[in-house]
PDB file of all heavy atoms in Angstrom:
ATOM      1  N   ILE A   1       0.841  -1.198   0.000  1.00  0.00           N
ATOM      2  CA  ILE A   1       0.000   0.000   0.000  1.00  0.00           C
ATOM      3  C   ILE A   1       0.877   1.249   0.000  1.00  0.00           C
ATOM      4  O   ILE A   1       0.535   2.253  -0.620  1.00  0.00           O
ATOM      5  CB  ILE A   1      -0.985   0.006   1.197  1.00  0.00           C
ATOM      6  CG1 ILE A   1      -1.929   1.206   1.096  1.00  0.00           C
ATOM      7  CG2 ILE A   1      -0.249   0.022   2.518  1.00  0.00           C
ATOM      8  CD1 ILE A   1      -2.790   1.234  -0.143  1.00  0.00           C
ATOM      9  N   LYS A   2       2.034   1.191   0.633  1.00  0.00           N
ATOM     10  CA  LYS A   2       2.943   2.338   0.600  1.00  0.00           C
ATOM     11  C   LYS A   2       3.439   2.598  -0.819  1.00  0.00           C
ATOM     12  O   LYS A   2       3.540   3.750  -1.243  1.00  0.00           O
ATOM     13  CB  LYS A   2       4.123   2.105   1.545  1.00  0.00           C
ATOM     14  CG  LYS A   2       3.768   2.195   3.025  1.00  0.00           C
ATOM     15  CD  LYS A   2       4.995   2.009   3.897  1.00  0.00           C
ATOM     16  CE  LYS A   2       4.651   2.163   5.368  1.00  0.00           C
ATOM     17  NZ  LYS A   2       5.856   1.985   6.235  1.00  0.00           N
ATOM     18  N   ASP A   3       3.717   1.525  -1.542  1.00  0.00           N
ATOM     19  CA  ASP A   3       4.144   1.679  -2.933  1.00  0.00           C
ATOM     20  C   ASP A   3       3.016   2.252  -3.785  1.00  0.00           C
ATOM     21  O   ASP A   3       3.245   3.090  -4.660  1.00  0.00           O
ATOM     22  CB  ASP A   3       4.602   0.327  -3.479  1.00  0.00           C
ATOM     23  CG  ASP A   3       5.095   0.425  -4.916  1.00  0.00           C
ATOM     24  OD1 ASP A   3       6.089   1.132  -5.154  1.00  0.00           O
ATOM     25  OD2 ASP A   3       4.485  -0.202  -5.795  1.00  0.00           O
ATOM     26  N   THR A   4       1.784   1.804  -3.530  1.00  0.00           N
ATOM     27  CA  THR A   4       0.628   2.339  -4.249  1.00  0.00           C
ATOM     28  C   THR A   4       0.476   3.834  -4.002  1.00  0.00           C
ATOM     29  O   THR A   4       0.201   4.615  -4.926  1.00  0.00           O
ATOM     30  CB  THR A   4      -0.654   1.612  -3.821  1.00  0.00           C
ATOM     31  OG1 THR A   4      -0.551   0.224  -4.151  1.00  0.00           O
ATOM     32  CG2 THR A   4      -1.887   2.198  -4.499  1.00  0.00           C
ATOM     33  N   ILE A   5       0.665   4.244  -2.755  1.00  0.00           N
ATOM     34  CA  ILE A   5       0.552   5.671  -2.410  1.00  0.00           C
ATOM     35  C   ILE A   5       1.633   6.476  -3.127  1.00  0.00           C
ATOM     36  O   ILE A   5       1.367   7.556  -3.670  1.00  0.00           O
ATOM     37  CB  ILE A   5       0.657   5.844  -0.882  1.00  0.00           C
ATOM     38  CG1 ILE A   5      -0.569   5.223  -0.198  1.00  0.00           C
ATOM     39  CG2 ILE A   5       0.788   7.321  -0.511  1.00  0.00           C
ATOM     40  CD1 ILE A   5      -0.411   5.040   1.288  1.00  0.00           C
ATOM     41  N   ARG A   6       2.864   5.946  -3.154  1.00  0.00           N
ATOM     42  CA  ARG A   6       3.948   6.651  -3.846  1.00  0.00           C
ATOM     43  C   ARG A   6       3.643   6.809  -5.329  1.00  0.00           C
ATOM     44  O   ARG A   6       3.914   7.868  -5.924  1.00  0.00           O
ATOM     45  CB  ARG A   6       5.272   5.902  -3.652  1.00  0.00           C
ATOM     46  CG  ARG A   6       5.931   6.141  -2.306  1.00  0.00           C
ATOM     47  CD  ARG A   6       7.344   5.596  -2.303  1.00  0.00           C
ATOM     48  NE  ARG A   6       7.343   4.139  -2.423  1.00  0.00           N
ATOM     49  CZ  ARG A   6       7.351   3.312  -1.390  1.00  0.00           C
ATOM     50  NH1 ARG A   6       7.342   3.792  -0.146  1.00  0.00           N
ATOM     51  NH2 ARG A   6       7.365   1.997  -1.568  1.00  0.00           N
ATOM     52  N   ARG A   7       3.075   5.783  -5.943  1.00  0.00           N
ATOM     53  CA  ARG A   7       2.766   5.865  -7.372  1.00  0.00           C
ATOM     54  C   ARG A   7       1.630   6.842  -7.647  1.00  0.00           C
ATOM     55  O   ARG A   7       1.612   7.522  -8.674  1.00  0.00           O
ATOM     56  CB  ARG A   7       2.435   4.472  -7.912  1.00  0.00           C
ATOM     57  CG  ARG A   7       3.674   3.594  -8.067  1.00  0.00           C
ATOM     58  CD  ARG A   7       3.388   2.289  -8.765  1.00  0.00           C
ATOM     59  NE  ARG A   7       2.800   1.301  -7.870  1.00  0.00           N
ATOM     60  CZ  ARG A   7       1.548   0.912  -7.887  1.00  0.00           C
ATOM     61  NH1 ARG A   7       0.708   1.428  -8.777  1.00  0.00           N
ATOM     62  NH2 ARG A   7       1.100  -0.002  -7.049  1.00  0.00           N
ATOM     63  N   ARG A   8       0.658   6.910  -6.732  1.00  0.00           N
ATOM     64  CA  ARG A   8      -0.423   7.887  -6.898  1.00  0.00           C
ATOM     65  C   ARG A   8       0.115   9.319  -6.812  1.00  0.00           C
ATOM     66  O   ARG A   8      -0.423  10.229  -7.457  1.00  0.00           O
ATOM     67  CB  ARG A   8      -1.485   7.693  -5.803  1.00  0.00           C
ATOM     68  CG  ARG A   8      -2.295   6.412  -5.889  1.00  0.00           C
ATOM     69  CD  ARG A   8      -3.355   6.488  -6.957  1.00  0.00           C
ATOM     70  NE  ARG A   8      -4.346   5.436  -6.818  1.00  0.00           N
ATOM     71  CZ  ARG A   8      -4.186   4.174  -7.189  1.00  0.00           C
ATOM     72  NH1 ARG A   8      -3.035   3.798  -7.732  1.00  0.00           N
ATOM     73  NH2 ARG A   8      -5.148   3.270  -7.039  1.00  0.00           N
ATOM     74  N   LEU A   9       1.161   9.519  -6.010  1.00  0.00           N
ATOM     75  CA  LEU A   9       1.696  10.863  -5.774  1.00  0.00           C
ATOM     76  C   LEU A   9       3.084  11.006  -6.385  1.00  0.00           C
ATOM     77  O   LEU A   9       3.971  11.632  -5.795  1.00  0.00           O
ATOM     78  CB  LEU A   9       1.741  11.137  -4.263  1.00  0.00           C
ATOM     79  CG  LEU A   9       0.379  11.071  -3.547  1.00  0.00           C
ATOM     80  CD1 LEU A   9       0.551  11.132  -2.045  1.00  0.00           C
ATOM     81  CD2 LEU A   9      -0.533  12.192  -4.028  1.00  0.00           C
ATOM     82  N   ARG A  10       3.265  10.441  -7.539  1.00  0.00           N
ATOM     83  CA  ARG A  10       4.571  10.483  -8.187  1.00  0.00           C
ATOM     84  C   ARG A  10       4.905  11.912  -8.627  1.00  0.00           C
ATOM     85  O   ARG A  10       3.997  12.712  -8.935  1.00  0.00           O
ATOM     86  CB  ARG A  10       4.580   9.568  -9.406  1.00  0.00           C
ATOM     87  CG  ARG A  10       3.666  10.019 -10.524  1.00  0.00           C
ATOM     88  CD  ARG A  10       3.579   8.996 -11.631  1.00  0.00           C
ATOM     89  NE  ARG A  10       2.762   9.482 -12.732  1.00  0.00           N
ATOM     90  CZ  ARG A  10       1.444   9.438 -12.760  1.00  0.00           C
ATOM     91  NH1 ARG A  10       0.788   8.930 -11.728  1.00  0.00           N
ATOM     92  NH2 ARG A  10       0.778   9.898 -13.812  1.00  0.00           N
ATOM     93  N   PRO A  11       6.178  12.260  -8.667  1.00  0.00           N
ATOM     94  CA  PRO A  11       6.578  13.584  -9.153  1.00  0.00           C
ATOM     95  C   PRO A  11       6.118  13.796 -10.601  1.00  0.00           C
ATOM     96  O   PRO A  11       6.154  12.880 -11.409  1.00  0.00           O
ATOM     97  CB  PRO A  11       8.109  13.539  -9.056  1.00  0.00           C
ATOM     98  CG  PRO A  11       8.402  12.499  -8.019  1.00  0.00           C
ATOM     99  CD  PRO A  11       7.323  11.466  -8.167  1.00  0.00           C
ATOM    100  N   GLY A  12       5.685  14.974 -10.882  1.00  0.00           N
ATOM    101  CA  GLY A  12       5.231  15.287 -12.234  1.00  0.00           C
ATOM    102  C   GLY A  12       3.751  15.053 -12.460  1.00  0.00           C
ATOM    103  O   GLY A  12       3.232  15.358 -13.535  1.00  0.00           O
ATOM    104  N   ASN A  13       3.061  14.531 -11.469  1.00  0.00           N
ATOM    105  CA  ASN A  13       1.624  14.320 -11.604  1.00  0.00           C
ATOM    106  C   ASN A  13       0.920  15.677 -11.559  1.00  0.00           C
ATOM    107  O   ASN A  13       0.910  16.357 -10.529  1.00  0.00           O
ATOM    108  CB  ASN A  13       1.134  13.427 -10.455  1.00  0.00           C
ATOM    109  CG  ASN A  13      -0.354  13.113 -10.561  1.00  0.00           C
ATOM    110  OD1 ASN A  13      -1.054  13.633 -11.429  1.00  0.00           O
ATOM    111  ND2 ASN A  13      -0.838  12.262  -9.677  1.00  0.00           N
ATOM    112  N   GLN A  14       0.331  16.088 -12.678  1.00  0.00           N
ATOM    113  CA  GLN A  14      -0.324  17.391 -12.777  1.00  0.00           C
ATOM    114  C   GLN A  14      -1.851  17.295 -12.673  1.00  0.00           C
ATOM    115  O   GLN A  14      -2.559  18.262 -12.955  1.00  0.00           O
ATOM    116  CB  GLN A  14       0.064  18.054 -14.107  1.00  0.00           C
ATOM    117  CG  GLN A  14       1.551  18.317 -14.253  1.00  0.00           C
ATOM    118  CD  GLN A  14       2.088  19.233 -13.168  1.00  0.00           C
ATOM    119  OE1 GLN A  14       1.439  20.208 -12.795  1.00  0.00           O
ATOM    120  NE2 GLN A  14       3.274  18.911 -12.647  1.00  0.00           N
ATOM    121  N   THR A  15      -2.354  16.153 -12.276  1.00  0.00           N
ATOM    122  CA  THR A  15      -3.804  15.972 -12.129  1.00  0.00           C
ATOM    123  C   THR A  15      -4.344  16.920 -11.058  1.00  0.00           C
ATOM    124  O   THR A  15      -3.678  17.144 -10.047  1.00  0.00           O
ATOM    125  CB  THR A  15      -4.113  14.519 -11.743  1.00  0.00           C
ATOM    126  OG1 THR A  15      -3.503  13.642 -12.679  1.00  0.00           O
ATOM    127  CG2 THR A  15      -5.612  14.264 -11.724  1.00  0.00           C
ATOM    128  N   PRO A  16      -5.527  17.496 -11.247  1.00  0.00           N
ATOM    129  CA  PRO A  16      -6.104  18.368 -10.208  1.00  0.00           C
ATOM    130  C   PRO A  16      -6.160  17.671  -8.853  1.00  0.00           C
ATOM    131  O   PRO A  16      -6.401  16.459  -8.783  1.00  0.00           O
ATOM    132  CB  PRO A  16      -7.517  18.662 -10.748  1.00  0.00           C
ATOM    133  CG  PRO A  16      -7.393  18.518 -12.222  1.00  0.00           C
ATOM    134  CD  PRO A  16      -6.380  17.424 -12.449  1.00  0.00           C
ATOM    135  N   TRP A  17      -5.937  18.443  -7.790  1.00  0.00           N
ATOM    136  CA  TRP A  17      -5.824  17.855  -6.462  1.00  0.00           C
ATOM    137  C   TRP A  17      -7.075  17.069  -6.065  1.00  0.00           C
ATOM    138  O   TRP A  17      -6.986  16.029  -5.422  1.00  0.00           O
ATOM    139  CB  TRP A  17      -5.545  18.929  -5.410  1.00  0.00           C
ATOM    140  CG  TRP A  17      -5.605  18.369  -4.021  1.00  0.00           C
ATOM    141  CD1 TRP A  17      -6.510  18.617  -3.048  1.00  0.00           C
ATOM    142  CD2 TRP A  17      -4.701  17.388  -3.477  1.00  0.00           C
ATOM    143  NE1 TRP A  17      -6.249  17.868  -1.933  1.00  0.00           N
ATOM    144  CE2 TRP A  17      -5.138  17.116  -2.165  1.00  0.00           C
ATOM    145  CE3 TRP A  17      -3.578  16.734  -3.967  1.00  0.00           C
ATOM    146  CZ2 TRP A  17      -4.487  16.197  -1.344  1.00  0.00           C
ATOM    147  CZ3 TRP A  17      -2.923  15.820  -3.147  1.00  0.00           C
ATOM    148  CH2 TRP A  17      -3.377  15.563  -1.846  1.00  0.00           C
ATOM    149  N   GLU A  18      -8.249  17.526  -6.464  1.00  0.00           N
ATOM    150  CA  GLU A  18      -9.478  16.824  -6.090  1.00  0.00           C
ATOM    151  C   GLU A  18      -9.469  15.394  -6.634  1.00  0.00           C
ATOM    152  O   GLU A  18      -9.901  14.452  -5.950  1.00  0.00           O
ATOM    153  CB  GLU A  18     -10.713  17.566  -6.621  1.00  0.00           C
ATOM    154  CG  GLU A  18     -10.973  18.931  -5.980  1.00  0.00           C
ATOM    155  CD  GLU A  18     -10.020  20.003  -6.481  1.00  0.00           C
ATOM    156  OE1 GLU A  18      -9.311  19.751  -7.489  1.00  0.00           O
ATOM    157  OE2 GLU A  18      -9.981  21.084  -5.864  1.00  0.00           O
ATOM    158  N   VAL A  19      -8.965  15.239  -7.857  1.00  0.00           N
ATOM    159  CA  VAL A  19      -8.891  13.904  -8.463  1.00  0.00           C
ATOM    160  C   VAL A  19      -7.811  13.068  -7.789  1.00  0.00           C
ATOM    161  O   VAL A  19      -8.000  11.881  -7.510  1.00  0.00           O
ATOM    162  CB  VAL A  19      -8.626  14.018  -9.981  1.00  0.00           C
ATOM    163  CG1 VAL A  19      -8.511  12.627 -10.602  1.00  0.00           C
ATOM    164  CG2 VAL A  19      -9.724  14.818 -10.649  1.00  0.00           C
ATOM    165  N   VAL A  20      -6.673  13.694  -7.507  1.00  0.00           N
ATOM    166  CA  VAL A  20      -5.582  12.984  -6.820  1.00  0.00           C
ATOM    167  C   VAL A  20      -6.063  12.479  -5.467  1.00  0.00           C
ATOM    168  O   VAL A  20      -5.849  11.319  -5.099  1.00  0.00           O
ATOM    169  CB  VAL A  20      -4.359  13.903  -6.643  1.00  0.00           C
ATOM    170  CG1 VAL A  20      -3.293  13.223  -5.785  1.00  0.00           C
ATOM    171  CG2 VAL A  20      -3.769  14.276  -7.997  1.00  0.00           C
ATOM    172  N   ALA A  21      -6.725  13.348  -4.693  1.00  0.00           N
ATOM    173  CA  ALA A  21      -7.203  12.966  -3.357  1.00  0.00           C
ATOM    174  C   ALA A  21      -8.246  11.860  -3.443  1.00  0.00           C
ATOM    175  O   ALA A  21      -8.246  10.930  -2.629  1.00  0.00           O
ATOM    176  CB  ALA A  21      -7.778  14.190  -2.651  1.00  0.00           C
ATOM    177  N   ARG A  22      -9.120  11.929  -4.444  1.00  0.00           N
ATOM    178  CA  ARG A  22     -10.149  10.898  -4.591  1.00  0.00           C
ATOM    179  C   ARG A  22      -9.532   9.535  -4.889  1.00  0.00           C
ATOM    180  O   ARG A  22      -9.907   8.526  -4.275  1.00  0.00           O
ATOM    181  CB  ARG A  22     -11.119  11.286  -5.703  1.00  0.00           C
ATOM    182  CG  ARG A  22     -12.308  10.330  -5.820  1.00  0.00           C
ATOM    183  CD  ARG A  22     -13.216  10.702  -6.968  1.00  0.00           C
ATOM    184  NE  ARG A  22     -12.548  10.549  -8.253  1.00  0.00           N
ATOM    185  CZ  ARG A  22     -12.496  11.498  -9.186  1.00  0.00           C
ATOM    186  NH1 ARG A  22     -13.055  12.687  -8.972  1.00  0.00           N
ATOM    187  NH2 ARG A  22     -11.877  11.272 -10.340  1.00  0.00           N
ATOM    188  N   ASP A  23      -8.552   9.503  -5.807  1.00  0.00           N
ATOM    189  CA  ASP A  23      -7.895   8.233  -6.137  1.00  0.00           C
ATOM    190  C   ASP A  23      -7.091   7.701  -4.948  1.00  0.00           C
ATOM    191  O   ASP A  23      -7.073   6.492  -4.689  1.00  0.00           O
ATOM    192  CB  ASP A  23      -6.976   8.421  -7.342  1.00  0.00           C
ATOM    193  CG  ASP A  23      -7.751   8.696  -8.623  1.00  0.00           C
ATOM    194  OD1 ASP A  23      -8.972   8.448  -8.631  1.00  0.00           O
ATOM    195  OD2 ASP A  23      -7.134   9.150  -9.607  1.00  0.00           O
ATOM    196  N   LEU A  24      -6.426   8.602  -4.251  1.00  0.00           N
ATOM    197  CA  LEU A  24      -5.657   8.196  -3.077  1.00  0.00           C
ATOM    198  C   LEU A  24      -6.575   7.623  -2.008  1.00  0.00           C
ATOM    199  O   LEU A  24      -6.291   6.571  -1.417  1.00  0.00           O
ATOM    200  CB  LEU A  24      -4.896   9.405  -2.528  1.00  0.00           C
ATOM    201  CG  LEU A  24      -4.042   9.176  -1.276  1.00  0.00           C
ATOM    202  CD1 LEU A  24      -2.927   8.192  -1.560  1.00  0.00           C
ATOM    203  CD2 LEU A  24      -3.464  10.509  -0.790  1.00  0.00           C
ATOM    204  N   ASN A  25      -7.701   8.291  -1.757  1.00  0.00           N
ATOM    205  CA  ASN A  25      -8.644   7.825  -0.732  1.00  0.00           C
ATOM    206  C   ASN A  25      -9.245   6.473  -1.102  1.00  0.00           C
ATOM    207  O   ASN A  25      -9.487   5.639  -0.225  1.00  0.00           O
ATOM    208  CB  ASN A  25      -9.757   8.850  -0.542  1.00  0.00           C
ATOM    209  CG  ASN A  25      -9.265  10.119   0.137  1.00  0.00           C
ATOM    210  OD1 ASN A  25      -8.167  10.131   0.707  1.00  0.00           O
ATOM    211  ND2 ASN A  25     -10.046  11.180   0.075  1.00  0.00           N
ATOM    212  N   ARG A  26      -9.479   6.268  -2.399  1.00  0.00           N
ATOM    213  CA  ARG A  26     -10.032   4.991  -2.834  1.00  0.00           C
ATOM    214  C   ARG A  26      -9.061   3.859  -2.505  1.00  0.00           C
ATOM    215  O   ARG A  26      -9.466   2.792  -2.015  1.00  0.00           O
ATOM    216  CB  ARG A  26     -10.326   5.018  -4.324  1.00  0.00           C
ATOM    217  CG  ARG A  26     -11.016   3.744  -4.829  1.00  0.00           C
ATOM    218  CD  ARG A  26     -11.215   3.772  -6.334  1.00  0.00           C
ATOM    219  NE  ARG A  26     -12.077   4.865  -6.735  1.00  0.00           N
ATOM    220  CZ  ARG A  26     -11.717   5.864  -7.508  1.00  0.00           C
ATOM    221  NH1 ARG A  26     -10.469   5.926  -7.972  1.00  0.00           N
ATOM    222  NH2 ARG A  26     -12.560   6.809  -7.844  1.00  0.00           N
ATOM    223  N   ALA A  27      -7.766   4.075  -2.754  1.00  0.00           N
ATOM    224  CA  ALA A  27      -6.761   3.049  -2.460  1.00  0.00           C
ATOM    225  C   ALA A  27      -6.649   2.798  -0.966  1.00  0.00           C
ATOM    226  O   ALA A  27      -6.596   1.646  -0.511  1.00  0.00           O
ATOM    227  CB  ALA A  27      -5.408   3.472  -3.038  1.00  0.00           C
ATOM    228  N   VAL A  28      -6.623   3.869  -0.177  1.00  0.00           N
ATOM    229  CA  VAL A  28      -6.489   3.733   1.281  1.00  0.00           C
ATOM    230  C   VAL A  28      -7.728   3.065   1.869  1.00  0.00           C
ATOM    231  O   VAL A  28      -7.632   2.181   2.726  1.00  0.00           O
ATOM    232  CB  VAL A  28      -6.259   5.114   1.931  1.00  0.00           C
ATOM    233  CG1 VAL A  28      -6.350   5.017   3.451  1.00  0.00           C
ATOM    234  CG2 VAL A  28      -4.902   5.670   1.517  1.00  0.00           C
TER     235      VAL A  28
END
């Protein structure tokens, strides 16, 4: 799960924060 979180928040990810947070929350 730590690796999944790192991949969701990889450097260079320009996705809007609302989408990033939603995908991150889904994984967690």
